[in-house]
């Protein structure tokens, strides 16, 4: 894969081909599994160690490690990762970091830019979910992490988006004055 328009084939037969950017936007598990297989365990482990991603544990199945509790990361660690991404301080080419940042943007208007990625892990009969991103207003960036538990049948994408927007609104964002 060379850029965010590279095509990714989903790991299951029901998945359509998506660009890397679309797979990221739709948070497509089937496509992330394919990407993990393409990268390979050794390379994944190398980069997880390099960026100090959480406990850095992949486990035996590289297509499940971010969903099966092998890999754990605290909200503080996530906040550090998102800050380093925003300021291009990870050990990746600056152009790659810019592509990832671009894929995370969900709103970009004259008042603010909102960017985030959603995540969820099933733990027993509950979901542990999070929203990791930033809001930028008046040329100031405010990274954030929202971490929460939800019932197993909850739509964590909807909850995470609403919860994040409610918190940011409460703090005074979305007006272009922060």
N, C-alpha and C. Protein backbone atom coordinates (compact mmCIF):
# COMPACT_ATOMS: atom_id res chain seq x y z
N UNK A 1 0.84 -1.17 0.00
CA UNK A 1 0.00 0.00 0.00
C UNK A 1 0.89 1.23 0.00
N UNK A 2 0.58 2.12 -0.88
CA UNK A 2 1.43 3.28 -1.01
C UNK A 2 0.79 4.57 -0.52
N UNK A 3 -0.52 4.66 -0.56
CA UNK A 3 -1.18 5.87 -0.08
C UNK A 3 -2.61 5.56 0.34
N UNK A 4 -3.34 6.60 0.76
CA UNK A 4 -4.68 6.37 1.30
C UNK A 4 -5.71 5.97 0.25
N UNK A 5 -5.34 6.00 -1.04
CA UNK A 5 -6.27 5.56 -2.08
C UNK A 5 -5.98 4.13 -2.52
N UNK A 6 -4.96 3.49 -1.94
CA UNK A 6 -4.68 2.09 -2.25
C UNK A 6 -5.88 1.24 -1.88
N UNK A 7 -6.17 0.22 -2.71
CA UNK A 7 -7.32 -0.64 -2.49
C UNK A 7 -6.98 -1.75 -1.50
N UNK A 8 -7.91 -2.00 -0.59
CA UNK A 8 -7.77 -3.06 0.41
C UNK A 8 -8.93 -4.02 0.21
N UNK A 9 -8.62 -5.32 0.13
CA UNK A 9 -9.64 -6.35 0.02
C UNK A 9 -9.95 -6.83 1.43
N UNK A 10 -11.23 -6.88 1.78
CA UNK A 10 -11.63 -7.33 3.11
C UNK A 10 -11.27 -8.78 3.36
N UNK A 11 -11.03 -9.14 4.62
CA UNK A 11 -10.62 -10.49 4.99
C UNK A 11 -11.75 -11.50 4.89
N UNK A 12 -12.99 -11.03 4.79
CA UNK A 12 -14.10 -11.97 4.64
C UNK A 12 -14.73 -11.82 3.26
N UNK A 13 -15.41 -12.83 2.82
CA UNK A 13 -15.96 -12.83 1.46
C UNK A 13 -17.09 -11.82 1.27
N UNK A 14 -17.68 -11.35 2.36
CA UNK A 14 -18.80 -10.40 2.26
C UNK A 14 -18.33 -8.96 2.07
N UNK A 15 -17.04 -8.70 2.28
CA UNK A 15 -16.52 -7.33 2.21
C UNK A 15 -16.24 -6.90 0.79
N UNK A 16 -16.52 -5.66 0.51
CA UNK A 16 -16.17 -5.09 -0.78
C UNK A 16 -14.75 -4.54 -0.70
N UNK A 17 -14.21 -4.21 -1.83
CA UNK A 17 -12.91 -3.55 -1.85
C UNK A 17 -13.10 -2.09 -1.46
N UNK A 18 -12.25 -1.63 -0.56
CA UNK A 18 -12.30 -0.24 -0.13
C UNK A 18 -10.92 0.36 -0.26
N UNK A 19 -10.86 1.66 -0.42
CA UNK A 19 -9.58 2.34 -0.34
C UNK A 19 -9.15 2.30 1.13
N UNK A 20 -7.88 2.50 1.37
CA UNK A 20 -7.39 2.55 2.74
C UNK A 20 -8.12 3.64 3.51
N UNK A 21 -8.35 4.77 2.89
CA UNK A 21 -9.06 5.88 3.51
C UNK A 21 -10.49 5.48 3.88
N UNK A 22 -11.19 4.78 2.99
CA UNK A 22 -12.56 4.33 3.27
C UNK A 22 -12.57 3.30 4.40
N UNK A 23 -11.64 2.36 4.39
CA UNK A 23 -11.56 1.35 5.44
C UNK A 23 -11.37 2.02 6.79
N UNK A 24 -10.54 3.05 6.82
CA UNK A 24 -10.29 3.80 8.05
C UNK A 24 -11.55 4.54 8.47
N UNK A 25 -12.19 5.21 7.52
CA UNK A 25 -13.40 5.99 7.81
C UNK A 25 -14.51 5.11 8.36
N UNK A 26 -14.71 3.93 7.76
CA UNK A 26 -15.78 3.04 8.19
C UNK A 26 -15.34 2.10 9.32
N UNK A 27 -14.08 2.24 9.74
CA UNK A 27 -13.55 1.42 10.83
C UNK A 27 -13.81 -0.06 10.54
N UNK A 28 -13.46 -0.48 9.33
CA UNK A 28 -13.81 -1.81 8.82
C UNK A 28 -12.89 -2.89 9.38
N UNK A 29 -13.45 -3.69 10.26
CA UNK A 29 -12.70 -4.78 10.88
C UNK A 29 -12.13 -5.74 9.83
N UNK A 30 -12.94 -6.12 8.84
CA UNK A 30 -12.49 -7.06 7.81
C UNK A 30 -11.29 -6.51 7.04
N UNK A 31 -11.29 -5.22 6.77
CA UNK A 31 -10.19 -4.61 6.03
C UNK A 31 -8.95 -4.43 6.90
N UNK A 32 -9.15 -4.10 8.19
CA UNK A 32 -8.02 -4.00 9.11
C UNK A 32 -7.34 -5.35 9.28
N UNK A 33 -8.12 -6.44 9.27
CA UNK A 33 -7.54 -7.78 9.35
C UNK A 33 -6.66 -8.05 8.13
N UNK A 34 -7.14 -7.66 6.95
CA UNK A 34 -6.35 -7.83 5.73
C UNK A 34 -5.05 -7.03 5.78
N UNK A 35 -5.15 -5.81 6.28
CA UNK A 35 -3.97 -4.95 6.38
C UNK A 35 -2.96 -5.57 7.35
N UNK A 36 -3.45 -6.07 8.48
CA UNK A 36 -2.55 -6.72 9.45
C UNK A 36 -1.84 -7.91 8.82
N UNK A 37 -2.57 -8.71 8.05
CA UNK A 37 -1.95 -9.85 7.37
C UNK A 37 -0.90 -9.41 6.36
N UNK A 38 -1.20 -8.33 5.63
CA UNK A 38 -0.23 -7.82 4.65
C UNK A 38 1.04 -7.30 5.32
N UNK A 39 0.89 -6.65 6.45
CA UNK A 39 2.04 -6.10 7.16
C UNK A 39 2.87 -7.22 7.78
N UNK A 40 2.21 -8.18 8.38
CA UNK A 40 2.91 -9.31 8.99
C UNK A 40 3.25 -9.06 10.46
N UNK A 41 3.37 -10.15 11.20
CA UNK A 41 3.57 -10.07 12.64
C UNK A 41 4.87 -9.38 13.03
N UNK A 42 5.97 -9.71 12.38
CA UNK A 42 7.26 -9.13 12.75
C UNK A 42 7.29 -7.62 12.53
N UNK A 43 6.75 -7.18 11.41
CA UNK A 43 6.72 -5.74 11.12
C UNK A 43 5.77 -5.02 12.07
N UNK A 44 4.61 -5.62 12.33
CA UNK A 44 3.69 -5.01 13.30
C UNK A 44 4.35 -4.88 14.66
N UNK A 45 5.01 -5.92 15.10
CA UNK A 45 5.67 -5.90 16.41
C UNK A 45 6.75 -4.82 16.44
N UNK A 46 7.53 -4.72 15.37
CA UNK A 46 8.58 -3.71 15.30
C UNK A 46 8.00 -2.30 15.49
N UNK A 47 6.93 -1.99 14.77
CA UNK A 47 6.37 -0.64 14.84
C UNK A 47 5.62 -0.40 16.14
N UNK A 48 4.99 -1.43 16.69
CA UNK A 48 4.34 -1.25 18.00
C UNK A 48 5.38 -0.96 19.07
N UNK A 49 6.52 -1.63 19.00
CA UNK A 49 7.62 -1.35 19.93
C UNK A 49 8.17 0.06 19.70
N UNK A 50 8.32 0.45 18.44
CA UNK A 50 8.90 1.75 18.09
C UNK A 50 8.06 2.92 18.59
N UNK A 51 6.73 2.79 18.50
CA UNK A 51 5.87 3.89 18.96
C UNK A 51 5.42 3.70 20.40
N UNK A 52 5.88 2.61 21.01
CA UNK A 52 5.54 2.30 22.41
C UNK A 52 4.02 2.26 22.60
N UNK A 53 3.37 1.46 21.74
CA UNK A 53 1.91 1.38 21.74
C UNK A 53 1.42 0.48 22.87
N UNK A 54 0.93 1.08 23.93
CA UNK A 54 0.35 0.35 25.06
C UNK A 54 1.31 -0.70 25.60
N UNK A 55 0.78 -1.90 25.84
CA UNK A 55 1.63 -2.98 26.36
C UNK A 55 2.39 -3.69 25.24
N UNK A 56 2.17 -3.31 23.99
CA UNK A 56 2.89 -3.79 22.81
C UNK A 56 2.70 -5.28 22.52
N UNK A 57 1.66 -5.89 23.07
CA UNK A 57 1.43 -7.33 22.90
C UNK A 57 0.49 -7.60 21.73
N UNK A 58 0.97 -8.40 20.80
CA UNK A 58 0.16 -8.78 19.64
C UNK A 58 -0.52 -10.12 19.87
N UNK A 59 0.12 -11.03 20.57
CA UNK A 59 -0.45 -12.36 20.74
C UNK A 59 -0.22 -13.21 19.50
N UNK A 60 -0.93 -14.32 19.40
CA UNK A 60 -0.71 -15.26 18.30
C UNK A 60 -1.46 -14.91 17.03
N UNK A 61 -2.60 -14.26 17.14
CA UNK A 61 -3.43 -13.96 15.97
C UNK A 61 -3.32 -12.49 15.61
N UNK A 62 -2.57 -12.20 14.54
CA UNK A 62 -2.37 -10.79 14.18
C UNK A 62 -3.63 -10.15 13.61
N UNK A 63 -4.66 -10.93 13.34
CA UNK A 63 -5.90 -10.34 12.84
C UNK A 63 -6.89 -10.05 13.97
N UNK A 64 -6.49 -10.24 15.21
CA UNK A 64 -7.40 -10.04 16.33
C UNK A 64 -6.79 -9.24 17.48
N UNK A 65 -5.49 -8.97 17.47
CA UNK A 65 -4.81 -8.46 18.65
C UNK A 65 -5.40 -7.17 19.21
N UNK A 66 -5.97 -6.33 18.39
CA UNK A 66 -6.54 -5.07 18.89
C UNK A 66 -7.97 -5.27 19.40
N UNK A 67 -8.53 -6.48 19.22
CA UNK A 67 -9.90 -6.73 19.64
C UNK A 67 -10.02 -7.80 20.73
N UNK A 68 -8.96 -8.52 21.03
CA UNK A 68 -9.09 -9.68 21.92
C UNK A 68 -8.38 -9.53 23.25
N UNK A 69 -8.07 -8.33 23.64
CA UNK A 69 -7.41 -8.07 24.93
C UNK A 69 -5.93 -8.40 24.96
N UNK A 70 -5.33 -8.84 23.84
CA UNK A 70 -3.87 -9.02 23.84
C UNK A 70 -3.22 -7.66 24.04
N UNK A 71 -3.68 -6.71 23.26
CA UNK A 71 -3.15 -5.35 23.29
C UNK A 71 -4.01 -4.50 24.22
N UNK A 72 -3.37 -3.84 25.16
CA UNK A 72 -4.08 -2.90 26.02
C UNK A 72 -3.34 -1.57 25.99
N UNK A 73 -4.11 -0.51 26.12
CA UNK A 73 -3.53 0.83 26.13
C UNK A 73 -4.40 1.72 27.00
N UNK A 74 -3.77 2.55 27.80
CA UNK A 74 -4.51 3.44 28.69
C UNK A 74 -4.94 4.71 27.94
N UNK A 75 -5.93 5.42 28.46
CA UNK A 75 -6.30 6.70 27.85
C UNK A 75 -5.13 7.69 27.80
N UNK A 76 -4.30 7.72 28.85
CA UNK A 76 -3.13 8.61 28.84
C UNK A 76 -2.16 8.26 27.72
N UNK A 77 -1.94 6.95 27.51
CA UNK A 77 -1.05 6.52 26.43
C UNK A 77 -1.65 6.89 25.07
N UNK A 78 -2.97 6.73 24.93
CA UNK A 78 -3.63 7.11 23.68
C UNK A 78 -3.49 8.61 23.43
N UNK A 79 -3.63 9.40 24.48
CA UNK A 79 -3.48 10.85 24.35
C UNK A 79 -2.07 11.20 23.87
N UNK A 80 -1.07 10.55 24.44
CA UNK A 80 0.31 10.79 24.00
C UNK A 80 0.50 10.41 22.53
N UNK A 81 -0.08 9.31 22.11
CA UNK A 81 0.04 8.87 20.72
C UNK A 81 -0.60 9.87 19.77
N UNK A 82 -1.79 10.37 20.13
CA UNK A 82 -2.49 11.30 19.24
C UNK A 82 -1.75 12.64 19.17
N UNK A 83 -1.18 13.07 20.29
CA UNK A 83 -0.39 14.31 20.29
C UNK A 83 0.83 14.16 19.39
N UNK A 84 1.52 13.02 19.51
CA UNK A 84 2.71 12.79 18.68
C UNK A 84 2.33 12.68 17.20
N UNK A 85 1.16 12.11 16.91
CA UNK A 85 0.71 12.06 15.52
C UNK A 85 0.45 13.46 15.00
N UNK A 86 -0.28 14.25 15.75
CA UNK A 86 -0.63 15.60 15.30
C UNK A 86 0.63 16.41 15.00
N UNK A 87 1.63 16.30 15.84
CA UNK A 87 2.86 17.08 15.67
C UNK A 87 3.94 16.33 14.89
N UNK A 88 3.55 15.22 14.25
CA UNK A 88 4.45 14.42 13.39
C UNK A 88 5.73 14.01 14.13
N UNK A 89 5.57 13.46 15.33
CA UNK A 89 6.71 13.06 16.15
C UNK A 89 6.88 11.56 16.25
N UNK A 90 6.10 10.80 15.47
CA UNK A 90 6.28 9.35 15.44
C UNK A 90 7.43 9.00 14.50
N UNK A 91 7.98 7.80 14.62
CA UNK A 91 9.12 7.42 13.76
C UNK A 91 8.69 6.95 12.37
N UNK A 92 7.68 7.59 11.82
CA UNK A 92 7.22 7.33 10.46
C UNK A 92 7.52 8.56 9.61
N UNK A 93 7.56 8.39 8.30
CA UNK A 93 7.73 9.55 7.43
C UNK A 93 6.63 10.57 7.73
N UNK A 94 6.98 11.84 7.68
CA UNK A 94 6.01 12.91 7.95
C UNK A 94 4.82 12.81 7.00
N UNK A 95 5.06 12.42 5.75
CA UNK A 95 3.97 12.31 4.78
C UNK A 95 2.97 11.22 5.18
N UNK A 96 3.44 10.14 5.77
CA UNK A 96 2.56 9.07 6.24
C UNK A 96 1.71 9.57 7.41
N UNK A 97 2.34 10.28 8.33
CA UNK A 97 1.61 10.82 9.46
C UNK A 97 0.55 11.82 8.99
N UNK A 98 0.87 12.62 7.99
CA UNK A 98 -0.10 13.57 7.43
C UNK A 98 -1.26 12.84 6.78
N UNK A 99 -0.99 11.72 6.10
CA UNK A 99 -2.07 10.94 5.49
C UNK A 99 -3.02 10.41 6.56
N UNK A 100 -2.47 9.90 7.65
CA UNK A 100 -3.31 9.38 8.74
C UNK A 100 -4.13 10.52 9.34
N UNK A 101 -3.50 11.66 9.57
CA UNK A 101 -4.24 12.80 10.11
C UNK A 101 -5.39 13.20 9.17
N UNK A 102 -5.12 13.21 7.90
CA UNK A 102 -6.14 13.57 6.92
C UNK A 102 -7.31 12.57 6.96
N UNK A 103 -7.00 11.29 7.13
CA UNK A 103 -8.05 10.27 7.18
C UNK A 103 -8.90 10.41 8.44
N UNK A 104 -8.36 11.00 9.49
CA UNK A 104 -9.09 11.14 10.75
C UNK A 104 -10.06 12.32 10.75
N UNK A 105 -9.91 13.26 9.84
CA UNK A 105 -10.74 14.48 9.85
C UNK A 105 -12.18 14.12 9.49
N UNK A 106 -13.11 14.52 10.36
CA UNK A 106 -14.54 14.29 10.12
C UNK A 106 -15.30 15.59 9.85
N UNK A 107 -14.79 16.70 10.36
CA UNK A 107 -15.38 18.02 10.08
C UNK A 107 -14.24 19.00 9.90
N UNK A 108 -14.31 19.77 8.84
CA UNK A 108 -13.30 20.80 8.60
C UNK A 108 -14.00 22.00 8.00
N UNK A 109 -14.24 23.02 8.81
CA UNK A 109 -14.91 24.21 8.33
C UNK A 109 -14.15 25.46 8.79
N UNK A 110 -14.71 26.62 8.56
CA UNK A 110 -14.02 27.86 8.90
C UNK A 110 -13.84 28.05 10.40
N UNK A 111 -14.67 27.42 11.21
CA UNK A 111 -14.59 27.61 12.66
C UNK A 111 -13.68 26.61 13.36
N UNK A 112 -13.67 25.37 12.88
CA UNK A 112 -12.90 24.35 13.58
C UNK A 112 -12.64 23.15 12.67
N UNK A 113 -11.69 22.33 13.11
CA UNK A 113 -11.45 21.04 12.49
C UNK A 113 -11.59 19.99 13.60
N UNK A 114 -12.42 18.99 13.34
CA UNK A 114 -12.60 17.89 14.28
C UNK A 114 -12.11 16.62 13.62
N UNK A 115 -11.25 15.89 14.32
CA UNK A 115 -10.69 14.65 13.78
C UNK A 115 -10.67 13.60 14.88
N UNK A 116 -11.05 12.39 14.53
CA UNK A 116 -11.00 11.32 15.51
C UNK A 116 -11.09 9.96 14.85
N UNK A 117 -10.80 8.93 15.64
CA UNK A 117 -11.01 7.54 15.26
C UNK A 117 -11.71 6.86 16.43
N UNK A 118 -12.61 5.96 16.11
CA UNK A 118 -13.37 5.22 17.10
C UNK A 118 -12.76 3.84 17.29
N UNK A 119 -12.91 3.28 18.47
CA UNK A 119 -12.44 1.92 18.72
C UNK A 119 -13.30 1.24 19.75
N UNK A 120 -13.31 -0.08 19.71
CA UNK A 120 -14.10 -0.85 20.67
C UNK A 120 -13.48 -2.23 20.85
N UNK A 121 -13.53 -2.73 22.08
CA UNK A 121 -13.10 -4.08 22.42
C UNK A 121 -14.20 -4.70 23.25
N UNK A 122 -14.57 -5.93 22.93
CA UNK A 122 -15.55 -6.65 23.73
C UNK A 122 -14.83 -7.32 24.88
N UNK A 123 -15.29 -7.06 26.08
CA UNK A 123 -14.73 -7.65 27.30
C UNK A 123 -15.86 -8.29 28.08
N UNK A 124 -16.00 -9.59 27.92
CA UNK A 124 -17.09 -10.30 28.60
C UNK A 124 -18.42 -9.88 28.05
N UNK A 125 -19.29 -9.36 28.91
CA UNK A 125 -20.63 -8.95 28.48
C UNK A 125 -20.74 -7.44 28.29
N UNK A 126 -19.59 -6.76 28.14
CA UNK A 126 -19.58 -5.31 27.93
C UNK A 126 -18.61 -4.95 26.81
N UNK A 127 -18.74 -3.72 26.35
CA UNK A 127 -17.80 -3.17 25.38
C UNK A 127 -17.00 -2.06 26.06
N UNK A 128 -15.72 -2.03 25.81
CA UNK A 128 -14.87 -0.92 26.20
C UNK A 128 -14.63 -0.13 24.92
N UNK A 129 -15.07 1.09 24.89
CA UNK A 129 -14.99 1.89 23.66
C UNK A 129 -14.24 3.19 23.91
N UNK A 130 -13.77 3.80 22.82
CA UNK A 130 -13.07 5.07 22.96
C UNK A 130 -13.16 5.87 21.67
N UNK A 131 -12.93 7.14 21.84
CA UNK A 131 -12.80 8.09 20.74
C UNK A 131 -11.48 8.81 20.98
N UNK A 132 -10.60 8.79 19.98
CA UNK A 132 -9.28 9.40 20.10
C UNK A 132 -9.12 10.40 18.97
N UNK A 133 -8.81 11.65 19.31
CA UNK A 133 -8.67 12.64 18.24
C UNK A 133 -8.26 14.01 18.75
N UNK A 134 -8.64 15.01 17.99
CA UNK A 134 -8.35 16.39 18.35
C UNK A 134 -9.40 17.31 17.76
N UNK A 135 -9.51 18.48 18.38
CA UNK A 135 -10.27 19.57 17.79
C UNK A 135 -9.30 20.74 17.68
N UNK A 136 -9.35 21.40 16.56
CA UNK A 136 -8.47 22.55 16.32
C UNK A 136 -9.35 23.77 16.06
N UNK A 137 -9.14 24.80 16.89
CA UNK A 137 -9.85 26.08 16.73
C UNK A 137 -8.84 27.20 16.86
N UNK A 138 -8.99 28.21 16.03
CA UNK A 138 -8.11 29.39 16.07
C UNK A 138 -6.62 29.01 16.15
N UNK A 139 -6.26 28.03 15.34
CA UNK A 139 -4.86 27.59 15.22
C UNK A 139 -4.30 26.98 16.51
N UNK A 140 -5.18 26.56 17.41
CA UNK A 140 -4.77 25.84 18.63
C UNK A 140 -5.37 24.45 18.56
N UNK A 141 -4.56 23.47 18.90
CA UNK A 141 -5.03 22.09 18.85
C UNK A 141 -5.29 21.59 20.27
N UNK A 142 -6.37 20.83 20.42
CA UNK A 142 -6.75 20.26 21.70
C UNK A 142 -6.98 18.76 21.50
N UNK A 143 -5.96 17.94 21.76
CA UNK A 143 -6.15 16.49 21.64
C UNK A 143 -7.08 15.99 22.74
N UNK A 144 -7.79 14.90 22.47
CA UNK A 144 -8.69 14.34 23.47
C UNK A 144 -8.83 12.83 23.32
N UNK A 145 -9.21 12.21 24.40
CA UNK A 145 -9.55 10.79 24.44
C UNK A 145 -10.80 10.66 25.30
N UNK A 146 -11.79 10.00 24.78
CA UNK A 146 -12.99 9.67 25.54
C UNK A 146 -13.05 8.16 25.61
N UNK A 147 -13.03 7.63 26.82
CA UNK A 147 -13.07 6.18 27.04
C UNK A 147 -14.28 5.86 27.88
N UNK A 148 -15.04 4.83 27.49
CA UNK A 148 -16.26 4.51 28.22
C UNK A 148 -16.64 3.05 28.03
N UNK A 149 -17.45 2.55 28.95
CA UNK A 149 -18.00 1.21 28.88
C UNK A 149 -19.43 1.29 28.39
N UNK A 150 -19.84 0.28 27.62
CA UNK A 150 -21.20 0.25 27.10
C UNK A 150 -21.72 -1.18 27.12
N UNK A 151 -23.04 -1.34 27.12
CA UNK A 151 -23.60 -2.69 27.05
C UNK A 151 -23.18 -3.37 25.74
N UNK A 152 -23.19 -4.68 25.73
CA UNK A 152 -22.72 -5.46 24.59
C UNK A 152 -23.50 -5.14 23.31
N UNK A 153 -24.78 -4.79 23.44
CA UNK A 153 -25.61 -4.52 22.25
C UNK A 153 -25.63 -3.04 21.86
N UNK A 154 -24.85 -2.21 22.51
CA UNK A 154 -24.85 -0.77 22.24
C UNK A 154 -24.15 -0.44 20.93
N UNK A 155 -24.62 0.58 20.25
CA UNK A 155 -23.94 1.11 19.06
C UNK A 155 -22.91 2.12 19.53
N UNK A 156 -21.69 1.65 19.77
CA UNK A 156 -20.66 2.51 20.35
C UNK A 156 -20.21 3.61 19.41
N UNK A 157 -20.39 3.44 18.11
CA UNK A 157 -20.04 4.52 17.18
C UNK A 157 -20.94 5.73 17.44
N UNK A 158 -22.22 5.51 17.52
CA UNK A 158 -23.17 6.61 17.76
C UNK A 158 -22.93 7.21 19.15
N UNK A 159 -22.80 6.35 20.15
CA UNK A 159 -22.58 6.83 21.52
C UNK A 159 -21.30 7.65 21.61
N UNK A 160 -20.21 7.13 21.03
CA UNK A 160 -18.92 7.82 21.10
C UNK A 160 -18.94 9.17 20.43
N UNK A 161 -19.55 9.25 19.25
CA UNK A 161 -19.65 10.53 18.55
C UNK A 161 -20.45 11.53 19.37
N UNK A 162 -21.60 11.10 19.87
CA UNK A 162 -22.47 12.01 20.64
C UNK A 162 -21.81 12.43 21.95
N UNK A 163 -21.22 11.49 22.65
CA UNK A 163 -20.55 11.78 23.92
C UNK A 163 -19.41 12.78 23.71
N UNK A 164 -18.61 12.55 22.68
CA UNK A 164 -17.49 13.47 22.39
C UNK A 164 -17.99 14.86 22.05
N UNK A 165 -19.00 14.93 21.18
CA UNK A 165 -19.55 16.24 20.81
C UNK A 165 -20.16 16.95 22.01
N UNK A 166 -20.86 16.21 22.87
CA UNK A 166 -21.46 16.82 24.06
C UNK A 166 -20.39 17.38 24.99
N UNK A 167 -19.33 16.61 25.21
CA UNK A 167 -18.25 17.07 26.10
C UNK A 167 -17.56 18.29 25.50
N UNK A 168 -17.25 18.24 24.21
CA UNK A 168 -16.57 19.37 23.57
C UNK A 168 -17.46 20.61 23.56
N UNK A 169 -18.76 20.43 23.34
CA UNK A 169 -19.70 21.56 23.39
C UNK A 169 -19.73 22.15 24.80
N UNK A 170 -19.82 21.30 25.81
CA UNK A 170 -19.83 21.74 27.20
C UNK A 170 -18.58 22.56 27.53
N UNK A 171 -17.44 22.15 26.94
CA UNK A 171 -16.17 22.86 27.18
C UNK A 171 -16.05 24.16 26.38
N UNK A 172 -17.00 24.43 25.48
CA UNK A 172 -17.00 25.69 24.74
C UNK A 172 -16.50 25.60 23.31
N UNK A 173 -16.32 24.40 22.80
CA UNK A 173 -15.84 24.25 21.43
C UNK A 173 -16.99 24.38 20.43
N UNK A 174 -16.65 24.33 19.15
CA UNK A 174 -17.55 24.39 17.99
C UNK A 174 -18.06 25.79 17.71
N UNK A 175 -17.47 26.80 18.34
CA UNK A 175 -17.88 28.18 18.10
C UNK A 175 -16.80 28.98 17.39
N UNK A 176 -15.62 28.38 17.25
CA UNK A 176 -14.51 29.08 16.60
C UNK A 176 -13.86 30.12 17.49
N UNK A 177 -14.05 30.02 18.81
CA UNK A 177 -13.48 31.05 19.71
C UNK A 177 -12.47 30.50 20.71
N UNK A 178 -12.29 29.21 20.77
CA UNK A 178 -11.35 28.62 21.74
C UNK A 178 -9.92 28.87 21.34
